[in-house]
Amino acid sequence: MKRYYVHKYNSNHEVHREDCSTNFDLSNMMYLGIYSNCTDAVREAKRTYPDADGCRICSSECHTK
């Protein structure tokens, strides 16, 4: 189980795991919750940001764009 976050102010609303190597800025992120997979985290992110997508590095199985 990992904590997931989504970019708030970026036009690319990428979903990241807490241990993502991209070193995202938490001040630009919305906390989504704790999930066992990125599919559930992206689903939650899409409730606020319909264009949300998984990070190509830490959530590659959910990266579609």
Protein backbone atom coordinates (compact mmCIF):
# COMPACT_ATOMS: atom_id res chain seq x y z
CA MET A 1 0.00 0.00 0.00
CA LYS A 2 1.34 3.40 -1.03
CA ARG A 3 0.26 7.01 -0.68
CA TYR A 4 -0.74 8.61 -3.98
CA TYR A 5 -0.85 12.24 -5.09
CA VAL A 6 -2.00 14.13 -8.17
CA HIS A 7 -0.69 17.42 -9.62
CA LYS A 8 -3.14 20.24 -8.80
CA TYR A 9 -1.91 23.15 -10.91
CA ASN A 10 -0.26 21.40 -13.83
CA SER A 11 -2.30 20.91 -17.02
CA ASN A 12 -0.97 17.36 -16.96
CA HIS A 13 -2.68 15.91 -13.88
CA GLU A 14 -0.26 13.04 -13.28
CA VAL A 15 -0.78 10.63 -10.41
CA HIS A 16 2.37 9.76 -8.44
CA ARG A 17 3.25 7.28 -5.72
CA GLU A 18 4.87 8.71 -2.60
CA ASP A 19 8.19 7.10 -3.57
CA CYS A 20 8.29 8.43 -7.14
CA SER A 21 11.78 9.29 -8.36
CA THR A 22 10.55 12.46 -10.11
CA ASN A 23 10.85 14.39 -6.80
CA PHE A 24 7.51 16.15 -7.23
CA ASP A 25 6.73 19.24 -5.15
CA LEU A 26 4.15 18.41 -2.47
CA SER A 27 2.89 22.01 -2.48
CA ASN A 28 1.63 21.37 -6.04
CA MET A 29 -0.03 18.07 -5.16
CA MET A 30 -3.39 16.89 -3.88
CA TYR A 31 -3.30 13.86 -1.61
CA LEU A 32 -5.49 11.05 -2.97
CA GLY A 33 -5.12 8.45 -0.26
CA ILE A 34 -3.51 5.07 0.30
CA TYR A 35 -4.01 2.49 -2.43
CA SER A 36 -2.61 -0.89 -3.36
CA ASN A 37 -2.43 0.06 -7.05
CA CYS A 38 -2.39 3.05 -9.37
CA THR A 39 -5.69 2.09 -11.03
CA ASP A 40 -7.66 2.97 -7.91
CA ALA A 41 -5.59 6.12 -7.33
CA VAL A 42 -6.15 7.35 -10.90
CA ARG A 43 -9.87 6.60 -10.58
CA GLU A 44 -9.97 8.80 -7.47
CA ALA A 45 -7.99 11.56 -9.21
CA LYS A 46 -10.41 11.53 -12.15
CA ARG A 47 -13.22 12.55 -9.78
CA THR A 48 -11.54 15.98 -9.60
CA TYR A 49 -9.43 15.97 -12.76
CA PRO A 50 -11.09 13.94 -15.56
CA ASP A 51 -7.86 14.05 -17.58
CA ALA A 52 -5.75 12.48 -14.79
CA ASP A 53 -3.20 9.90 -15.87
CA GLY A 54 -0.56 7.76 -14.19
CA CYS A 55 3.06 8.89 -14.02
CA ARG A 56 5.16 7.15 -16.67
CA ILE A 57 7.83 6.39 -14.05
CA CYS A 58 6.08 5.32 -10.84
CA SER A 59 2.65 4.36 -12.22
CA SER A 60 3.54 3.21 -15.71
CA GLU A 61 0.77 0.60 -15.84
CA CYS A 62 -1.71 3.52 -15.57
CA HIS A 63 0.14 5.85 -17.96
CA THR A 64 -1.91 6.23 -21.14
CA LYS A 65 -0.96 9.64 -22.56
